[in-house]
Amino acid sequence: DLILFLNANKETILKRLAKRKILENRSDDDSGTIIRRYEIYMETTQPVLDFYSVNPNFKEIDGSLEIDEITRKIDTFINV
């Protein structure tokens, strides 16, 4: 089993979601909603990350990288 965590900082997430709003015209991607979803995600996910991060199969990937770079890292971990 493998546990992959794509870790991106708040600024990267906000920038990507702002771009998504423009590209996909999503009404739920206003900045207030995005920030609240991020805060809830961090509150609920941090305990899970703390639990699994001690597992030797836990792999953290820099989620701020470009998609092709992230894909290469995932492929490396799953030996594709």
Protein backbone atom coordinates (compact mmCIF):
# COMPACT_ATOMS: atom_id res chain seq x y z
CA ASP A 1 0.00 0.00 0.00
CA LEU A 2 1.08 3.54 -0.69
CA ILE A 3 -0.07 6.80 0.87
CA LEU A 4 0.50 9.86 -1.32
CA PHE A 5 0.06 13.38 0.01
CA LEU A 6 0.12 16.23 -2.50
CA ASN A 7 1.18 19.17 -0.37
CA ALA A 8 0.64 22.69 -1.71
CA ASN A 9 0.80 25.90 0.26
CA LYS A 10 -2.20 28.16 0.70
CA GLU A 11 -0.99 30.75 -1.82
CA THR A 12 -0.58 28.13 -4.56
CA ILE A 13 -4.03 26.71 -3.89
CA LEU A 14 -5.65 30.15 -3.94
CA LYS A 15 -3.90 31.05 -7.19
CA ARG A 16 -4.93 27.79 -8.88
CA LEU A 17 -8.54 28.06 -7.77
CA ALA A 18 -8.74 31.68 -8.94
CA LYS A 19 -7.52 30.49 -12.34
CA ARG A 20 -10.07 27.66 -12.31
CA LYS A 21 -12.83 30.16 -11.60
CA ILE A 22 -11.88 32.09 -14.72
CA LEU A 23 -11.48 29.00 -16.91
CA GLU A 24 -14.56 27.14 -15.71
CA ASN A 25 -16.74 30.08 -14.62
CA ARG A 26 -17.44 28.45 -11.27
CA SER A 27 -19.60 30.49 -8.94
CA ASP A 28 -18.36 28.56 -5.87
CA ASP A 29 -14.77 29.70 -6.36
CA ASP A 30 -15.03 33.13 -4.78
CA SER A 31 -12.15 33.97 -2.44
CA GLY A 32 -14.18 33.77 0.78
CA THR A 33 -15.48 30.31 -0.04
CA ILE A 34 -12.05 29.11 -1.13
CA ILE A 35 -10.41 30.29 2.10
CA ARG A 36 -13.13 28.69 4.24
CA ARG A 37 -12.85 25.37 2.36
CA TYR A 38 -9.06 25.49 2.82
CA GLU A 39 -9.40 26.11 6.58
CA ILE A 40 -11.88 23.23 6.97
CA TYR A 41 -9.64 20.96 4.91
CA MET A 42 -6.63 21.75 7.10
CA GLU A 43 -8.58 21.27 10.33
CA THR A 44 -9.93 17.88 9.28
CA THR A 45 -6.91 16.61 7.36
CA GLN A 46 -4.03 17.49 9.70
CA PRO A 47 -4.87 14.78 12.25
CA VAL A 48 -5.05 12.21 9.45
CA LEU A 49 -1.70 13.39 8.04
CA ASP A 50 -0.14 13.22 11.50
CA PHE A 51 -1.37 9.64 11.88
CA TYR A 52 -0.21 8.39 8.47
CA SER A 53 3.03 10.38 8.16
CA VAL A 54 4.87 7.92 10.42
CA ASN A 55 4.04 5.08 8.04
CA PRO A 56 7.03 4.17 5.83
CA ASN A 57 4.66 4.04 2.83
CA PHE A 58 3.69 7.69 3.31
CA LYS A 59 5.10 9.82 0.50
CA GLU A 60 4.78 13.59 0.33
CA ILE A 61 4.86 15.28 -3.05
CA ASP A 62 5.26 19.00 -3.62
CA GLY A 63 1.84 19.90 -4.99
CA SER A 64 3.05 23.30 -6.18
CA LEU A 65 5.01 21.67 -9.00
CA GLU A 66 3.67 21.51 -12.55
CA ILE A 67 1.26 18.66 -13.28
CA ASP A 68 3.74 16.71 -15.45
CA GLU A 69 6.36 16.86 -12.69
CA ILE A 70 3.85 15.68 -10.09
CA THR A 71 2.83 12.84 -12.41
CA ARG A 72 6.48 11.78 -12.80
CA LYS A 73 6.94 11.70 -9.04
CA ILE A 74 3.79 9.64 -8.57
CA ASP A 75 4.92 7.26 -11.32
CA THR A 76 8.25 6.86 -9.54
CA PHE A 77 6.54 5.96 -6.27
CA ILE A 78 4.22 3.41 -7.89
CA ASN A 79 6.99 2.09 -10.15
CA VAL A 80 5.21 2.70 -13.44
